[in-house]
PDB file of N, CA and C in Angstrom:
ATOM      1  N   MET A   1      -5.877-171.127 103.894  1.00  0.00           N
ATOM      2  CA  MET A   1      -5.223-172.403 104.374  1.00  0.00           C
ATOM      3  C   MET A   1      -6.024-172.786 105.175  1.00  0.00           C
ATOM      4  N   ARG A   2      -5.994-172.033 106.401  1.00  0.00           N
ATOM      5  CA  ARG A   2      -6.466-172.756 107.600  1.00  0.00           C
ATOM      6  C   ARG A   2      -7.820-173.138 107.488  1.00  0.00           C
ATOM      7  N   ASP A   3      -8.852-172.389 106.781  1.00  0.00           N
ATOM      8  CA  ASP A   3      -9.995-172.913 106.688  1.00  0.00           C
ATOM      9  C   ASP A   3     -10.437-174.440 105.836  1.00  0.00           C
ATOM     10  N   ALA A   4      -9.030-174.478 104.742  1.00  0.00           N
ATOM     11  CA  ALA A   4      -8.750-175.890 104.348  1.00  0.00           C
ATOM     12  C   ALA A   4      -8.446-177.015 105.464  1.00  0.00           C
ATOM     13  N   GLU A   5      -7.577-176.433 106.216  1.00  0.00           N
ATOM     14  CA  GLU A   5      -6.893-177.634 107.142  1.00  0.00           C
ATOM     15  C   GLU A   5      -7.873-177.914 107.880  1.00  0.00           C
ATOM     16  N   LYS A   6      -8.817-177.132 108.490  1.00  0.00           N
ATOM     17  CA  LYS A   6      -9.746-177.218 109.566  1.00  0.00           C
ATOM     18  C   LYS A   6     -10.741-177.952 108.890  1.00  0.00           C
ATOM     19  N   SER A   7     -11.151-178.117 107.709  1.00  0.00           N
ATOM     20  CA  SER A   7     -12.499-178.823 107.057  1.00  0.00           C
ATOM     21  C   SER A   7     -11.863-180.082 106.688  1.00  0.00           C
ATOM     22  N   ALA A   8     -10.595-180.261 106.340  1.00  0.00           N
ATOM     23  CA  ALA A   8      -9.668-181.472 106.474  1.00  0.00           C
ATOM     24  C   ALA A   8      -9.945-182.416 107.712  1.00  0.00           C
ATOM     25  N   LEU A   9      -9.633-182.007 108.881  1.00  0.00           N
ATOM     26  CA  LEU A   9      -9.299-182.312 109.981  1.00  0.00           C
ATOM     27  C   LEU A   9     -10.978-182.566 110.319  1.00  0.00           C
ATOM     28  N   GLU A  10     -12.053-181.617 110.209  1.00  0.00           N
ATOM     29  CA  GLU A  10     -13.398-182.049 110.691  1.00  0.00           C
ATOM     30  C   GLU A  10     -13.698-183.285 109.810  1.00  0.00           C
ATOM     31  N   SER A  11     -13.429-183.546 108.638  1.00  0.00           N
ATOM     32  CA  SER A  11     -13.968-184.742 107.446  1.00  0.00           C
ATOM     33  C   SER A  11     -13.151-185.941 108.111  1.00  0.00           C
ATOM     34  N   VAL A  12     -12.075-185.972 108.474  1.00  0.00           N
ATOM     35  CA  VAL A  12     -11.355-187.044 108.856  1.00  0.00           C
ATOM     36  C   VAL A  12     -12.218-187.407 110.196  1.00  0.00           C
ATOM     37  N   GLN A  13     -12.318-186.531 111.037  1.00  0.00           N
ATOM     38  CA  GLN A  13     -12.963-187.190 112.645  1.00  0.00           C
ATOM     39  C   GLN A  13     -14.208-187.168 112.049  1.00  0.00           C
ATOM     40  N   ARG A  14     -15.319-186.860 111.170  1.00  0.00           N
ATOM     41  CA  ARG A  14     -16.595-187.571 111.012  1.00  0.00           C
ATOM     42  C   ARG A  14     -16.012-188.893 110.270  1.00  0.00           C
ATOM     43  N   PHE A  15     -15.505-189.014 109.570  1.00  0.00           N
ATOM     44  CA  PHE A  15     -15.079-190.752 109.127  1.00  0.00           C
ATOM     45  C   PHE A  15     -14.689-191.340 109.999  1.00  0.00           C
ATOM     46  N   VAL A  16     -13.699-190.893 110.891  1.00  0.00           N
ATOM     47  CA  VAL A  16     -13.087-192.152 111.743  1.00  0.00           C
ATOM     48  C   VAL A  16     -14.871-192.491 112.824  1.00  0.00           C
ATOM     49  N   ASP A  17     -15.398-191.014 113.168  1.00  0.00           N
ATOM     50  CA  ASP A  17     -16.544-191.677 113.862  1.00  0.00           C
ATOM     51  C   ASP A  17     -17.492-192.407 113.161  1.00  0.00           C
ATOM     52  N   THR A  18     -17.743-192.175 112.160  1.00  0.00           N
ATOM     53  CA  THR A  18     -18.701-193.137 111.317  1.00  0.00           C
ATOM     54  C   THR A  18     -18.261-194.639 111.500  1.00  0.00           C
ATOM     55  N   VAL A  19     -16.842-194.637 111.172  1.00  0.00           N
ATOM     56  CA  VAL A  19     -16.500-196.076 110.931  1.00  0.00           C
ATOM     57  C   VAL A  19     -16.306-196.698 112.484  1.00  0.00           C
ATOM     58  N   ASN A  20     -16.110-195.796 113.290  1.00  0.00           N
ATOM     59  CA  ASN A  20     -16.073-196.398 114.798  1.00  0.00           C
ATOM     60  C   ASN A  20     -17.801-196.654 115.027  1.00  0.00           C
ATOM     61  N   GLY A  21     -18.816-195.980 114.478  1.00  0.00           N
ATOM     62  CA  GLY A  21     -20.358-196.281 114.803  1.00  0.00           C
ATOM     63  C   GLY A  21     -20.464-197.620 114.249  1.00  0.00           C
ATOM     64  N   ALA A  22     -19.780-198.177 113.281  1.00  0.00           N
ATOM     65  CA  ALA A  22     -20.193-199.120 112.186  1.00  0.00           C
ATOM     66  C   ALA A  22     -19.323-200.540 112.707  1.00  0.00           C
ATOM     67  N   PHE A  23     -18.328-200.345 112.998  1.00  0.00           N
ATOM     68  CA  PHE A  23     -17.725-201.319 113.373  1.00  0.00           C
ATOM     69  C   PHE A  23     -17.453-201.722 114.589  1.00  0.00           C
ATOM     70  N   PRO A  24     -17.145-202.911 115.299  1.00  0.00           N
ATOM     71  CA  PRO A  24     -16.916-202.961 116.626  1.00  0.00           C
ATOM     72  C   PRO A  24     -15.399-203.051 116.725  1.00  0.00           C
ATOM     73  N   ASP A  25     -14.958-202.514 117.978  1.00  0.00           N
ATOM     74  CA  ASP A  25     -13.276-202.558 117.768  1.00  0.00           C
ATOM     75  C   ASP A  25     -12.862-204.018 118.310  1.00  0.00           C
ATOM     76  N   LEU A  26     -12.309-204.600 117.341  1.00  0.00           N
ATOM     77  CA  LEU A  26     -11.912-206.005 117.100  1.00  0.00           C
ATOM     78  C   LEU A  26     -10.432-206.373 117.691  1.00  0.00           C
ATOM     79  N   GLY A  27      -9.523-205.095 117.823  1.00  0.00           N
ATOM     80  CA  GLY A  27      -8.413-205.100 118.102  1.00  0.00           C
ATOM     81  C   GLY A  27      -7.604-204.570 116.854  1.00  0.00           C
ATOM     82  N   SER A  28      -6.550-204.663 116.608  1.00  0.00           N
ATOM     83  CA  SER A  28      -5.587-204.002 116.016  1.00  0.00           C
ATOM     84  C   SER A  28      -5.545-204.332 114.549  1.00  0.00           C
ATOM     85  N   ASP A  29      -6.511-205.869 114.340  1.00  0.00           N
ATOM     86  CA  ASP A  29      -6.405-206.244 113.016  1.00  0.00           C
ATOM     87  C   ASP A  29      -8.114-206.413 112.609  1.00  0.00           C
ATOM     88  N   GLY A  30      -8.736-205.564 113.434  1.00  0.00           N
ATOM     89  CA  GLY A  30     -10.138-205.641 112.890  1.00  0.00           C
ATOM     90  C   GLY A  30     -10.289-204.593 111.642  1.00  0.00           C
ATOM     91  N   PRO A  31     -11.759-204.998 111.093  1.00  0.00           N
ATOM     92  CA  PRO A  31     -12.060-204.622 110.058  1.00  0.00           C
ATOM     93  C   PRO A  31     -11.899-203.035 110.019  1.00  0.00           C
ATOM     94  N   ARG A  32     -12.088-202.709 111.497  1.00  0.00           N
ATOM     95  CA  ARG A  32     -12.504-200.872 111.775  1.00  0.00           C
ATOM     96  C   ARG A  32     -11.193-200.391 111.229  1.00  0.00           C
ATOM     97  N   ARG A  33      -9.906-200.950 111.986  1.00  0.00           N
ATOM     98  CA  ARG A  33      -8.536-200.642 111.719  1.00  0.00           C
ATOM     99  C   ARG A  33      -8.047-200.541 110.359  1.00  0.00           C
ATOM    100  N   LYS A  34      -8.392-201.613 109.433  1.00  0.00           N
ATOM    101  CA  LYS A  34      -8.201-201.882 107.868  1.00  0.00           C
ATOM    102  C   LYS A  34      -8.955-200.674 107.357  1.00  0.00           C
ATOM    103  N   ILE A  35      -9.938-200.457 107.483  1.00  0.00           N
ATOM    104  CA  ILE A  35     -10.612-199.381 107.050  1.00  0.00           C
ATOM    105  C   ILE A  35      -9.948-198.102 107.266  1.00  0.00           C
ATOM    106  N   ILE A  36      -9.741-197.796 108.371  1.00  0.00           N
ATOM    107  CA  ILE A  36      -9.240-196.499 108.549  1.00  0.00           C
ATOM    108  C   ILE A  36      -7.818-196.119 107.942  1.00  0.00           C
ATOM    109  N   ASP A  37      -6.976-197.342 108.234  1.00  0.00           N
ATOM    110  CA  ASP A  37      -5.566-197.346 107.551  1.00  0.00           C
ATOM    111  C   ASP A  37      -5.728-196.993 105.963  1.00  0.00           C
ATOM    112  N   SER A  38      -6.453-197.862 105.572  1.00  0.00           N
ATOM    113  CA  SER A  38      -6.791-197.645 103.858  1.00  0.00           C
ATOM    114  C   SER A  38      -7.020-196.257 103.934  1.00  0.00           C
ATOM    115  N   ALA A  39      -8.139-195.770 104.272  1.00  0.00           N
ATOM    116  CA  ALA A  39      -8.551-194.473 104.119  1.00  0.00           C
ATOM    117  C   ALA A  39      -7.199-193.386 104.599  1.00  0.00           C
ATOM    118  N   PHE A  40      -6.648-193.324 105.544  1.00  0.00           N
ATOM    119  CA  PHE A  40      -5.186-192.349 105.344  1.00  0.00           C
ATOM    120  C   PHE A  40      -4.376-193.077 104.581  1.00  0.00           C
ATOM    121  N   LYS A  41      -4.457-194.188 103.868  1.00  0.00           N
ATOM    122  CA  LYS A  41      -3.051-194.041 102.773  1.00  0.00           C
ATOM    123  C   LYS A  41      -3.615-193.428 101.714  1.00  0.00           C
ATOM    124  N   MET A  42      -5.113-193.822 101.253  1.00  0.00           N
ATOM    125  CA  MET A  42      -5.518-192.954 100.430  1.00  0.00           C
ATOM    126  C   MET A  42      -5.272-191.474 100.338  1.00  0.00           C
ATOM    127  N   THR A  43      -5.722-190.758 101.514  1.00  0.00           N
ATOM    128  CA  THR A  43      -5.390-189.435 101.693  1.00  0.00           C
ATOM    129  C   THR A  43      -3.993-189.137 101.530  1.00  0.00           C
ATOM    130  N   GLU A  44      -3.270-189.880 101.905  1.00  0.00           N
ATOM    131  CA  GLU A  44      -1.661-189.614 101.879  1.00  0.00           C
ATOM    132  C   GLU A  44      -1.258-189.532 100.232  1.00  0.00           C
ATOM    133  N   GLN A  45      -2.195-190.731  99.413  1.00  0.00           N
ATOM    134  CA  GLN A  45      -1.799-190.483  97.968  1.00  0.00           C
ATOM    135  C   GLN A  45      -2.132-189.399  97.173  1.00  0.00           C
ATOM    136  N   LEU A  46      -3.482-189.022  97.783  1.00  0.00           N
ATOM    137  CA  LEU A  46      -3.986-187.651  97.058  1.00  0.00           C
ATOM    138  C   LEU A  46      -3.239-186.619  97.305  1.00  0.00           C
ATOM    139  N   VAL A  47      -2.749-186.425  98.583  1.00  0.00           N
ATOM    140  CA  VAL A  47      -1.956-185.148  98.679  1.00  0.00           C
ATOM    141  C   VAL A  47      -0.778-185.318  98.411  1.00  0.00           C
ATOM    142  N   GLY A  48      -0.063-186.324  98.109  1.00  0.00           N
ATOM    143  CA  GLY A  48       1.049-186.479  97.328  1.00  0.00           C
ATOM    144  C   GLY A  48       0.913-186.339  95.890  1.00  0.00           C
ATOM    145  N   THR A  49      -0.227-186.618  95.048  1.00  0.00           N
ATOM    146  CA  THR A  49      -0.562-186.384  94.023  1.00  0.00           C
ATOM    147  C   THR A  49      -0.661-184.794  93.404  1.00  0.00           C
ATOM    148  N   SER A  50      -1.668-184.125  94.585  1.00  0.00           N
ATOM    149  CA  SER A  50      -1.610-182.993  94.457  1.00  0.00           C
ATOM    150  C   SER A  50      -0.474-181.916  94.496  1.00  0.00           C
ATOM    151  N   ASN A  51       0.545-182.360  95.598  1.00  0.00           N
ATOM    152  CA  ASN A  51       1.579-181.494  95.658  1.00  0.00           C
ATOM    153  C   ASN A  51       2.451-182.044  94.194  1.00  0.00           C
ATOM    154  N   GLN A  52       2.531-183.121  93.957  1.00  0.00           N
ATOM    155  CA  GLN A  52       3.193-183.144  92.537  1.00  0.00           C
ATOM    156  C   GLN A  52       2.349-182.294  91.487  1.00  0.00           C
ATOM    157  N   LEU A  53       1.104-182.077  91.392  1.00  0.00           N
ATOM    158  CA  LEU A  53       0.645-181.395  90.322  1.00  0.00           C
ATOM    159  C   LEU A  53       1.248-179.836  90.532  1.00  0.00           C
ATOM    160  N   ALA A  54       1.054-179.394  91.926  1.00  0.00           N
ATOM    161  CA  ALA A  54       1.452-178.282  91.970  1.00  0.00           C
ATOM    162  C   ALA A  54       2.684-177.619  91.998  1.00  0.00           C
ATOM    163  N   GLU A  55       3.576-178.998  92.439  1.00  0.00           N
ATOM    164  CA  GLU A  55       4.951-178.632  91.688  1.00  0.00           C
ATOM    165  C   GLU A  55       4.975-178.312  90.164  1.00  0.00           C
ATOM    166  N   LYS A  56       4.220-179.180  89.233  1.00  0.00           N
ATOM    167  CA  LYS A  56       4.207-179.019  87.730  1.00  0.00           C
ATOM    168  C   LYS A  56       3.774-177.961  87.156  1.00  0.00           C
ATOM    169  N   ILE A  57       3.052-177.366  87.996  1.00  0.00           N
ATOM    170  CA  ILE A  57       2.482-176.229  87.446  1.00  0.00           C
ATOM    171  C   ILE A  57       3.044-175.096  87.614  1.00  0.00           C
ATOM    172  N   VAL A  58       3.702-174.932  88.913  1.00  0.00           N
ATOM    173  CA  VAL A  58       4.784-173.911  89.210  1.00  0.00           C
ATOM    174  C   VAL A  58       5.984-173.855  88.501  1.00  0.00           C
ATOM    175  N   LYS A  59       6.422-174.942  87.869  1.00  0.00           N
ATOM    176  CA  LYS A  59       7.520-175.103  87.184  1.00  0.00           C
ATOM    177  C   LYS A  59       7.487-174.626  85.404  1.00  0.00           C
ATOM    178  N   ALA A  60       5.686-175.410  84.931  1.00  0.00           N
ATOM    179  CA  ALA A  60       5.538-174.812  83.949  1.00  0.00           C
ATOM    180  C   ALA A  60       5.135-173.493  83.827  1.00  0.00           C
ATOM    181  N   THR A  61       4.970-172.809  84.895  1.00  0.00           N
ATOM    182  CA  THR A  61       4.744-171.510  84.868  1.00  0.00           C
ATOM    183  C   THR A  61       5.888-170.540  84.794  1.00  0.00           C
ATOM    184  N   ARG A  62       6.647-170.769  85.700  1.00  0.00           N
ATOM    185  CA  ARG A  62       8.004-170.351  85.698  1.00  0.00           C
ATOM    186  C   ARG A  62       8.606-170.610  84.225  1.00  0.00           C
ATOM    187  N   ASP A  63       8.949-171.809  83.812  1.00  0.00           N
ATOM    188  CA  ASP A  63       9.443-172.123  82.262  1.00  0.00           C
ATOM    189  C   ASP A  63       8.971-170.647  81.312  1.00  0.00           C
ATOM    190  N   GLY A  64       7.352-170.992  81.632  1.00  0.00           N
ATOM    191  CA  GLY A  64       6.506-169.601  80.626  1.00  0.00           C
ATOM    192  C   GLY A  64       7.260-168.600  80.531  1.00  0.00           C
ATOM    193  N   LEU A  65       6.989-168.243  81.911  1.00  0.00           N
ATOM    194  CA  LEU A  65       7.610-166.617  81.930  1.00  0.00           C
ATOM    195  C   LEU A  65       8.956-166.386  81.743  1.00  0.00           C
ATOM    196  N   ASN A  66       9.972-167.319  81.595  1.00  0.00           N
ATOM    197  CA  ASN A  66      11.559-167.169  81.420  1.00  0.00           C
ATOM    198  C   ASN A  66      11.424-167.220  79.865  1.00  0.00           C
ATOM    199  N   ASP A  67      10.605-168.125  79.157  1.00  0.00           N
ATOM    200  CA  ASP A  67      10.356-167.922  77.814  1.00  0.00           C
ATOM    201  C   ASP A  67      10.179-167.117  77.366  1.00  0.00           C
ATOM    202  N   VAL A  68       8.938-165.785  78.083  1.00  0.00           N
ATOM    203  CA  VAL A  68       8.307-164.682  77.611  1.00  0.00           C
ATOM    204  C   VAL A  68       9.423-163.612  77.548  1.00  0.00           C
ATOM    205  N   LYS A  69      10.017-163.951  79.163  1.00  0.00           N
ATOM    206  CA  LYS A  69      11.632-162.565  79.540  1.00  0.00           C
ATOM    207  C   LYS A  69      12.468-163.064  77.941  1.00  0.00           C
ATOM    208  N   GLY A  70      12.852-164.302  77.810  1.00  0.00           N
ATOM    209  CA  GLY A  70      13.797-164.634  77.000  1.00  0.00           C
ATOM    210  C   GLY A  70      13.510-163.675  75.566  1.00  0.00           C
ATOM    211  N   THR A  71      12.105-163.904  74.925  1.00  0.00           N
ATOM    212  CA  THR A  71      11.771-163.681  74.132  1.00  0.00           C
ATOM    213  C   THR A  71      11.420-162.108  73.763  1.00  0.00           C
ATOM    214  N   ALA A  72      11.223-161.539  74.791  1.00  0.00           N
ATOM    215  CA  ALA A  72      11.144-159.900  74.921  1.00  0.00           C
ATOM    216  C   ALA A  72      12.530-159.515  75.035  1.00  0.00           C
ATOM    217  N   GLY A  73      13.483-159.721  75.536  1.00  0.00           N
ATOM    218  CA  GLY A  73      14.843-159.587  75.650  1.00  0.00           C
ATOM    219  C   GLY A  73      15.570-159.607  74.442  1.00  0.00           C
ATOM    220  N   SER A  74      15.008-160.764  73.477  1.00  0.00           N
ATOM    221  CA  SER A  74      15.898-160.898  72.284  1.00  0.00           C
ATOM    222  C   SER A  74      15.277-159.933  71.099  1.00  0.00           C
ATOM    223  N   SER A  75      14.245-159.232  71.273  1.00  0.00           N
ATOM    224  CA  SER A  75      13.834-158.545  70.255  1.00  0.00           C
ATOM    225  C   SER A  75      14.265-157.234  70.303  1.00  0.00           C
ATOM    226  N   LYS A  76      14.837-156.560  71.035  1.00  0.00           N
ATOM    227  CA  LYS A  76      15.282-155.576  71.451  1.00  0.00           C
ATOM    228  C   LYS A  76      16.644-155.216  70.782  1.00  0.00           C
TER     229      LYS A  76
END
């Protein structure tokens, strides 16, 4: 998990460095700020979607295990 976090932070830093090098600082409403804000919004949505998927997988696994336990218990 720590490697993934480090990799994500390094990726964000490279992205920000690239945007900073390509666009001048024109204040808080400039294109650089809009690009960075959009990228972070997209990242937030991706993480949210990933978390929802993980929750659904855990629930489906739990439900499946409960079904198997219920079936095994009823055959006795």
